[in-house]
Amino acid sequence: MRIGEVARQAGVSVRALRYYEEQDLLQAERSSGGQRQYPDSAVDRVHLIQQLFAAGLPSRSVREVLRCVYSGTVSPGLLDQLESERARISGRINELLAARDRLDGVIATTRNPPPECTHAQALDGPALSAAPSSTHRPAPRTTDR
C-alpha cells in the first residue's frame, strides 16, 4: 500500500507517517523507484500509534509498546511504566469529568437562574445605565512595588 493510501485510510497526514518512520514506529519497504510500500496492517498500526500518543506516551514508550504488542511479551520495567501511565490517564479522566460536571452546573444555572440572581434579570431587563451601580464598583487598584 502506498503512503497516500495509508494516510487516507488511517486519517493522518503523509508527514505524520514519515515522522513515525523516523521514530522507528512504522516500517515501509521501498519499491525499485524508491516509493514507500506499507503492509496492509499499517493502518491498524497507525491507529494504535495515534491512541498511544493521545494517551500521552512519548515516542520512546510507544516504540516499546509496539514491540510488545507484536511480540506478545512485556518487560517488567515497561509493565510498571504502562501501569503508571494508566494511573495518570485515569487521574486526568477524573479531572476532566469534574470539569465537565462543573460546566454542566454553570450551564444549568445560566439557563434556569435562581430568583435571587440579579445578573440574569439585568440581562433580560431594561438596558443598564452607563454609570456603575453602587453595589458593583470595581475595587481600587493597588500596586505592590
N, C-alpha and C. Protein backbone atom coordinates (compact mmCIF):
# COMPACT_ATOMS: atom_id res chain seq x y z
N MET A 1 0.86 -1.16 0.00
CA MET A 1 0.00 0.00 0.00
C MET A 1 0.91 1.23 0.00
N ARG A 2 0.60 2.22 -0.80
CA ARG A 2 1.42 3.42 -0.90
C ARG A 2 1.10 4.38 0.25
N ILE A 3 2.01 5.30 0.48
CA ILE A 3 1.92 6.18 1.63
C ILE A 3 0.63 7.01 1.65
N GLY A 4 0.20 7.50 0.49
CA GLY A 4 -1.02 8.30 0.43
C GLY A 4 -2.25 7.50 0.81
N GLU A 5 -2.28 6.24 0.41
CA GLU A 5 -3.42 5.38 0.72
C GLU A 5 -3.46 5.07 2.23
N VAL A 6 -2.30 4.78 2.82
CA VAL A 6 -2.25 4.54 4.27
C VAL A 6 -2.71 5.79 5.00
N ALA A 7 -2.21 6.94 4.60
CA ALA A 7 -2.59 8.20 5.23
C ALA A 7 -4.09 8.42 5.14
N ARG A 8 -4.66 8.20 3.97
CA ARG A 8 -6.10 8.41 3.78
C ARG A 8 -6.90 7.45 4.65
N GLN A 9 -6.56 6.17 4.64
CA GLN A 9 -7.32 5.19 5.39
C GLN A 9 -7.17 5.37 6.91
N ALA A 10 -5.99 5.82 7.33
CA ALA A 10 -5.74 5.99 8.76
C ALA A 10 -6.19 7.35 9.26
N GLY A 11 -6.46 8.27 8.34
CA GLY A 11 -6.90 9.60 8.75
C GLY A 11 -5.78 10.47 9.31
N VAL A 12 -4.57 10.28 8.79
CA VAL A 12 -3.42 11.07 9.22
C VAL A 12 -2.75 11.67 7.99
N SER A 13 -1.82 12.56 8.23
CA SER A 13 -1.10 13.17 7.11
C SER A 13 0.06 12.28 6.67
N VAL A 14 0.49 12.49 5.46
CA VAL A 14 1.67 11.80 4.94
C VAL A 14 2.87 12.18 5.80
N ARG A 15 2.90 13.42 6.21
CA ARG A 15 4.00 13.88 7.07
C ARG A 15 4.05 13.09 8.38
N ALA A 16 2.88 12.81 8.96
CA ALA A 16 2.83 12.02 10.20
C ALA A 16 3.43 10.64 9.96
N LEU A 17 3.12 10.02 8.83
CA LEU A 17 3.66 8.70 8.54
C LEU A 17 5.18 8.74 8.40
N ARG A 18 5.67 9.78 7.77
CA ARG A 18 7.13 9.92 7.65
C ARG A 18 7.76 10.09 9.03
N TYR A 19 7.10 10.86 9.89
CA TYR A 19 7.60 11.03 11.26
C TYR A 19 7.63 9.69 11.99
N TYR A 20 6.57 8.91 11.85
CA TYR A 20 6.52 7.60 12.50
C TYR A 20 7.68 6.72 12.02
N GLU A 21 8.00 6.82 10.74
CA GLU A 21 9.15 6.07 10.22
C GLU A 21 10.44 6.56 10.85
N GLU A 22 10.62 7.87 10.93
CA GLU A 22 11.82 8.45 11.54
C GLU A 22 11.98 7.98 12.99
N GLN A 23 10.87 7.84 13.69
CA GLN A 23 10.88 7.43 15.09
C GLN A 23 10.92 5.92 15.26
N ASP A 24 11.02 5.19 14.15
CA ASP A 24 11.06 3.73 14.14
C ASP A 24 9.78 3.12 14.73
N LEU A 25 8.66 3.75 14.44
CA LEU A 25 7.36 3.27 14.88
C LEU A 25 6.63 2.53 13.76
N LEU A 26 7.03 2.82 12.54
CA LEU A 26 6.37 2.27 11.37
C LEU A 26 7.45 1.98 10.32
N GLN A 27 7.34 0.84 9.67
CA GLN A 27 8.33 0.47 8.67
C GLN A 27 7.65 0.30 7.31
N ALA A 28 8.40 0.68 6.30
CA ALA A 28 7.93 0.51 4.92
C ALA A 28 9.05 -0.07 4.08
N GLU A 29 8.66 -0.88 3.12
CA GLU A 29 9.61 -1.36 2.11
C GLU A 29 9.70 -0.27 1.05
N ARG A 30 10.77 -0.32 0.27
CA ARG A 30 10.92 0.64 -0.84
C ARG A 30 10.81 -0.10 -2.16
N SER A 31 10.05 0.50 -3.07
CA SER A 31 9.94 -0.08 -4.42
C SER A 31 11.23 0.22 -5.18
N SER A 32 11.36 -0.35 -6.36
CA SER A 32 12.56 -0.09 -7.17
C SER A 32 12.67 1.38 -7.53
N GLY A 33 11.54 2.07 -7.54
CA GLY A 33 11.53 3.51 -7.82
C GLY A 33 11.69 4.35 -6.56
N GLY A 34 11.89 3.70 -5.41
CA GLY A 34 12.11 4.44 -4.16
C GLY A 34 10.85 4.81 -3.41
N GLN A 35 9.68 4.40 -3.92
CA GLN A 35 8.43 4.72 -3.24
C GLN A 35 8.21 3.78 -2.06
N ARG A 36 7.62 4.34 -1.00
CA ARG A 36 7.31 3.54 0.18
C ARG A 36 6.14 2.60 -0.11
N GLN A 37 6.28 1.37 0.36
CA GLN A 37 5.21 0.38 0.26
C GLN A 37 4.97 -0.18 1.66
N TYR A 38 3.76 0.02 2.16
CA TYR A 38 3.41 -0.43 3.51
C TYR A 38 2.57 -1.70 3.44
N PRO A 39 2.67 -2.54 4.46
CA PRO A 39 1.80 -3.71 4.52
C PRO A 39 0.37 -3.27 4.84
N ASP A 40 -0.59 -4.13 4.56
CA ASP A 40 -1.99 -3.81 4.85
C ASP A 40 -2.22 -3.54 6.34
N SER A 41 -1.40 -4.12 7.19
CA SER A 41 -1.55 -3.94 8.64
C SER A 41 -1.12 -2.54 9.10
N ALA A 42 -0.54 -1.74 8.22
CA ALA A 42 -0.04 -0.42 8.60
C ALA A 42 -1.14 0.49 9.13
N VAL A 43 -2.33 0.40 8.58
CA VAL A 43 -3.43 1.28 9.02
C VAL A 43 -3.77 1.00 10.48
N ASP A 44 -3.90 -0.26 10.84
CA ASP A 44 -4.18 -0.60 12.25
C ASP A 44 -3.03 -0.15 13.16
N ARG A 45 -1.81 -0.32 12.69
CA ARG A 45 -0.66 0.09 13.49
C ARG A 45 -0.67 1.61 13.69
N VAL A 46 -1.00 2.36 12.66
CA VAL A 46 -1.07 3.82 12.79
C VAL A 46 -2.17 4.22 13.79
N HIS A 47 -3.30 3.54 13.75
CA HIS A 47 -4.36 3.82 14.73
C HIS A 47 -3.86 3.59 16.15
N LEU A 48 -3.14 2.51 16.36
CA LEU A 48 -2.58 2.22 17.69
C LEU A 48 -1.57 3.29 18.09
N ILE A 49 -0.72 3.69 17.18
CA ILE A 49 0.26 4.75 17.45
C ILE A 49 -0.47 6.03 17.86
N GLN A 50 -1.51 6.37 17.14
CA GLN A 50 -2.29 7.58 17.45
C GLN A 50 -2.90 7.49 18.85
N GLN A 51 -3.44 6.34 19.19
CA GLN A 51 -4.03 6.17 20.52
C GLN A 51 -2.99 6.30 21.61
N LEU A 52 -1.83 5.74 21.40
CA LEU A 52 -0.77 5.80 22.41
C LEU A 52 -0.26 7.24 22.57
N PHE A 53 -0.12 7.96 21.46
CA PHE A 53 0.27 9.37 21.55
C PHE A 53 -0.82 10.17 22.25
N ALA A 54 -2.08 9.91 21.93
CA ALA A 54 -3.20 10.62 22.56
C ALA A 54 -3.23 10.36 24.06
N ALA A 55 -2.75 9.20 24.47
CA ALA A 55 -2.70 8.85 25.89
C ALA A 55 -1.54 9.56 26.60
N GLY A 56 -0.70 10.22 25.82
CA GLY A 56 0.39 10.98 26.42
C GLY A 56 1.73 10.27 26.47
N LEU A 57 1.84 9.12 25.81
CA LEU A 57 3.12 8.40 25.82
C LEU A 57 4.09 9.05 24.84
N PRO A 58 5.35 9.16 25.23
CA PRO A 58 6.36 9.68 24.29
C PRO A 58 6.73 8.62 23.26
N SER A 59 7.38 9.06 22.20
CA SER A 59 7.77 8.15 21.10
C SER A 59 8.54 6.94 21.60
N ARG A 60 9.45 7.16 22.53
CA ARG A 60 10.27 6.06 23.07
C ARG A 60 9.39 4.98 23.67
N SER A 61 8.39 5.39 24.45
CA SER A 61 7.48 4.42 25.07
C SER A 61 6.58 3.77 24.04
N VAL A 62 6.12 4.54 23.07
CA VAL A 62 5.28 3.98 22.01
C VAL A 62 6.05 2.89 21.27
N ARG A 63 7.31 3.14 20.99
CA ARG A 63 8.14 2.15 20.30
C ARG A 63 8.21 0.86 21.12
N GLU A 64 8.42 0.98 22.43
CA GLU A 64 8.50 -0.20 23.29
C GLU A 64 7.17 -0.94 23.34
N VAL A 65 6.08 -0.19 23.44
CA VAL A 65 4.76 -0.83 23.48
C VAL A 65 4.49 -1.57 22.19
N LEU A 66 4.82 -0.97 21.06
CA LEU A 66 4.59 -1.63 19.77
C LEU A 66 5.37 -2.94 19.68
N ARG A 67 6.59 -2.91 20.16
CA ARG A 67 7.38 -4.16 20.14
C ARG A 67 6.68 -5.24 20.97
N CYS A 68 6.16 -4.84 22.12
CA CYS A 68 5.48 -5.81 23.00
C CYS A 68 4.18 -6.31 22.38
N VAL A 69 3.44 -5.42 21.77
CA VAL A 69 2.16 -5.79 21.16
C VAL A 69 2.38 -6.84 20.08
N TYR A 70 3.41 -6.63 19.29
CA TYR A 70 3.63 -7.53 18.16
C TYR A 70 4.47 -8.76 18.52
N SER A 71 5.20 -8.71 19.64
CA SER A 71 5.96 -9.90 20.06
C SER A 71 5.18 -10.73 21.08
N GLY A 72 4.24 -10.10 21.78
CA GLY A 72 3.46 -10.81 22.79
C GLY A 72 4.12 -10.89 24.15
N THR A 73 5.27 -10.23 24.32
CA THR A 73 5.96 -10.24 25.61
C THR A 73 6.16 -8.81 26.10
N VAL A 74 6.12 -8.65 27.41
CA VAL A 74 6.29 -7.33 28.02
C VAL A 74 7.36 -7.44 29.09
N SER A 75 8.31 -6.51 29.06
CA SER A 75 9.34 -6.49 30.10
C SER A 75 8.73 -5.94 31.39
N PRO A 76 9.20 -6.39 32.55
CA PRO A 76 8.65 -5.89 33.83
C PRO A 76 8.75 -4.37 33.96
N GLY A 77 9.85 -3.80 33.49
CA GLY A 77 10.02 -2.35 33.57
C GLY A 77 8.97 -1.61 32.76
N LEU A 78 8.70 -2.11 31.57
CA LEU A 78 7.69 -1.49 30.72
C LEU A 78 6.31 -1.66 31.33
N LEU A 79 6.05 -2.81 31.90
CA LEU A 79 4.76 -3.05 32.53
C LEU A 79 4.52 -2.05 33.66
N ASP A 80 5.54 -1.79 34.46
CA ASP A 80 5.42 -0.79 35.53
C ASP A 80 5.15 0.59 34.95
N GLN A 81 5.85 0.93 33.87
CA GLN A 81 5.66 2.22 33.21
C GLN A 81 4.24 2.35 32.67
N LEU A 82 3.74 1.30 32.04
CA LEU A 82 2.39 1.33 31.48
C LEU A 82 1.34 1.46 32.58
N GLU A 83 1.54 0.77 33.70
CA GLU A 83 0.61 0.90 34.82
C GLU A 83 0.62 2.32 35.37
N SER A 84 1.79 2.92 35.42
CA SER A 84 1.91 4.31 35.87
C SER A 84 1.20 5.26 34.90
N GLU A 85 1.39 5.03 33.60
CA GLU A 85 0.71 5.85 32.59
C GLU A 85 -0.80 5.69 32.69
N ARG A 86 -1.23 4.47 32.92
CA ARG A 86 -2.67 4.21 33.06
C ARG A 86 -3.24 4.96 34.25
N ALA A 87 -2.52 4.96 35.36
CA ALA A 87 -2.97 5.69 36.56
C ALA A 87 -3.03 7.19 36.27
N ARG A 88 -2.03 7.72 35.54
CA ARG A 88 -2.02 9.14 35.18
C ARG A 88 -3.22 9.48 34.30
N ILE A 89 -3.49 8.62 33.32
CA ILE A 89 -4.63 8.84 32.42
C ILE A 89 -5.94 8.80 33.21
N SER A 90 -6.07 7.84 34.11
CA SER A 90 -7.29 7.74 34.93
C SER A 90 -7.48 8.99 35.76
N GLY A 91 -6.40 9.51 36.32
CA GLY A 91 -6.48 10.75 37.09
C GLY A 91 -6.93 11.91 36.22
N ARG A 92 -6.38 11.99 35.02
CA ARG A 92 -6.76 13.06 34.09
C ARG A 92 -8.22 12.94 33.68
N ILE A 93 -8.68 11.71 33.47
CA ILE A 93 -10.09 11.49 33.13
C ILE A 93 -10.98 12.00 34.26
N ASN A 94 -10.61 11.68 35.50
CA ASN A 94 -11.40 12.15 36.65
C ASN A 94 -11.42 13.67 36.72
N GLU A 95 -10.28 14.31 36.45
CA GLU A 95 -10.23 15.78 36.43
C GLU A 95 -11.15 16.33 35.35
N LEU A 96 -11.11 15.73 34.17
CA LEU A 96 -11.96 16.20 33.07
C LEU A 96 -13.44 15.98 33.37
N LEU A 97 -13.77 14.87 34.00
CA LEU A 97 -15.16 14.62 34.38
C LEU A 97 -15.64 15.65 35.39
N ALA A 98 -14.79 16.00 36.35
CA ALA A 98 -15.15 17.01 37.35
C ALA A 98 -15.34 18.37 36.67
N ALA A 99 -14.48 18.69 35.71
CA ALA A 99 -14.62 19.95 34.98
C ALA A 99 -15.91 19.97 34.16
N ARG A 100 -16.24 18.83 33.55
CA ARG A 100 -17.49 18.75 32.79
C ARG A 100 -18.69 18.91 33.70
N ASP A 101 -18.66 18.26 34.87
CA ASP A 101 -19.77 18.38 35.82
C ASP A 101 -19.93 19.83 36.27
N ARG A 102 -18.81 20.50 36.52
CA ARG A 102 -18.86 21.91 36.93
C ARG A 102 -19.46 22.76 35.81
N LEU A 103 -19.05 22.50 34.59
CA LEU A 103 -19.58 23.23 33.44
C LEU A 103 -21.07 22.96 33.27
N ASP A 104 -21.49 21.71 33.47
CA ASP A 104 -22.92 21.39 33.41
C ASP A 104 -23.70 22.22 34.43
N GLY A 105 -23.12 22.39 35.62
CA GLY A 105 -23.78 23.20 36.65
C GLY A 105 -23.90 24.66 36.24
N VAL A 106 -22.86 25.20 35.63
CA VAL A 106 -22.90 26.59 35.17
C VAL A 106 -23.94 26.75 34.07
N ILE A 107 -23.97 25.79 33.15
CA ILE A 107 -24.95 25.86 32.06
C ILE A 107 -26.37 25.78 32.62
N ALA A 108 -26.60 24.87 33.54
CA ALA A 108 -27.94 24.71 34.13
C ALA A 108 -28.36 25.97 34.87
N THR A 109 -27.44 26.56 35.62
CA THR A 109 -27.76 27.77 36.37
C THR A 109 -28.01 28.94 35.43
N THR A 110 -27.27 29.00 34.35
CA THR A 110 -27.45 30.08 33.38
C THR A 110 -28.79 29.95 32.67
N ARG A 111 -29.18 28.73 32.36
CA ARG A 111 -30.47 28.53 31.69
C ARG A 111 -31.65 28.70 32.64
N ASN A 112 -31.48 28.34 33.89
CA ASN A 112 -32.53 28.44 34.90
C ASN A 112 -31.98 29.13 36.15
N PRO A 113 -31.74 30.43 36.09
CA PRO A 113 -31.14 31.10 37.24
C PRO A 113 -32.12 31.13 38.41
N PRO A 114 -31.58 31.05 39.63
CA PRO A 114 -32.45 31.18 40.80
C PRO A 114 -33.01 32.59 40.86
N PRO A 115 -34.15 32.76 41.52
CA PRO A 115 -34.80 34.08 41.57
C PRO A 115 -33.91 35.17 42.16
N GLU A 116 -33.03 34.83 43.09
CA GLU A 116 -32.20 35.84 43.72
C GLU A 116 -31.03 36.30 42.85
N CYS A 117 -30.85 35.70 41.69
CA CYS A 117 -29.75 36.07 40.80
C CYS A 117 -30.12 37.34 40.04
N THR A 118 -29.40 38.42 40.29
CA THR A 118 -29.69 39.71 39.64
C THR A 118 -29.01 39.85 38.29
N HIS A 119 -27.97 39.08 38.04
CA HIS A 119 -27.27 39.19 36.76
C HIS A 119 -28.19 38.78 35.61
N ALA A 120 -28.94 37.72 35.78
CA ALA A 120 -29.84 37.27 34.73
C ALA A 120 -30.95 38.28 34.51
N GLN A 121 -31.46 38.88 35.59
CA GLN A 121 -32.51 39.88 35.45
C GLN A 121 -31.97 41.10 34.72
N ALA A 122 -30.74 41.48 34.98
CA ALA A 122 -30.17 42.63 34.30
C ALA A 122 -30.04 42.38 32.80
N LEU A 123 -29.73 41.16 32.44
CA LEU A 123 -29.60 40.84 31.02
C LEU A 123 -30.95 40.81 30.33
N ASP A 124 -32.00 40.38 31.04
CA ASP A 124 -33.33 40.30 30.45
C ASP A 124 -34.11 41.61 30.59
N GLY A 125 -33.70 42.42 31.53
CA GLY A 125 -34.45 43.65 31.84
C GLY A 125 -34.03 44.80 30.96
N PRO A 126 -34.40 46.04 31.40
CA PRO A 126 -34.06 47.24 30.62
C PRO A 126 -32.54 47.40 30.53
N ALA A 127 -32.11 48.18 29.55
CA ALA A 127 -30.68 48.40 29.35
C ALA A 127 -30.06 49.00 30.60
N LEU A 128 -28.85 48.60 30.87
CA LEU A 128 -28.12 49.10 32.03
C LEU A 128 -27.66 50.52 31.76
N SER A 129 -27.63 51.32 32.79
CA SER A 129 -27.12 52.68 32.62
C SER A 129 -25.61 52.63 32.47
N ALA A 130 -25.04 53.69 31.95
CA ALA A 130 -23.60 53.73 31.73
C ALA A 130 -22.84 53.81 33.05
N ALA A 131 -23.44 54.39 34.06
CA ALA A 131 -22.77 54.53 35.36
C ALA A 131 -22.91 53.23 36.14
N PRO A 132 -21.83 52.79 36.77
CA PRO A 132 -21.94 51.57 37.58
C PRO A 132 -22.78 51.81 38.82
N SER A 133 -23.49 50.79 39.25
CA SER A 133 -24.30 50.92 40.45
C SER A 133 -23.38 50.93 41.66
N SER A 134 -23.91 51.36 42.77
CA SER A 134 -23.08 51.45 43.97
C SER A 134 -22.68 50.08 44.48
N THR A 135 -23.40 49.05 44.13
CA THR A 135 -23.05 47.72 44.63
C THR A 135 -22.08 46.97 43.73
N HIS A 136 -21.79 47.53 42.54
CA HIS A 136 -20.91 46.82 41.61
C HIS A 136 -19.71 47.66 41.20
N ARG A 137 -19.17 48.43 42.09
CA ARG A 137 -17.98 49.23 41.77
C ARG A 137 -16.75 48.35 41.82
N PRO A 138 -15.85 48.55 40.87
CA PRO A 138 -14.62 47.77 40.94
C PRO A 138 -13.77 48.20 42.12
N ALA A 139 -13.02 47.27 42.65
CA ALA A 139 -12.14 47.59 43.76
C ALA A 139 -11.01 48.47 43.27
N PRO A 140 -10.53 49.37 44.13
CA PRO A 140 -9.42 50.24 43.70
C PRO A 140 -8.18 49.39 43.42
N ARG A 141 -7.42 49.81 42.45
CA ARG A 141 -6.20 49.08 42.09
C ARG A 141 -5.07 49.49 43.01
N THR A 142 -4.30 48.54 43.38
CA THR A 142 -3.11 48.82 44.18
C THR A 142 -1.91 48.24 43.48
N THR A 143 -0.77 48.83 43.75
CA THR A 143 0.45 48.30 43.17
C THR A 143 1.38 47.90 44.29
N ASP A 144 2.02 46.80 44.13
CA ASP A 144 2.99 46.32 45.11
C ASP A 144 4.38 46.48 44.52
N ARG A 145 4.99 47.62 44.79
CA ARG A 145 6.34 47.86 44.24
C ARG A 145 7.33 48.07 45.33
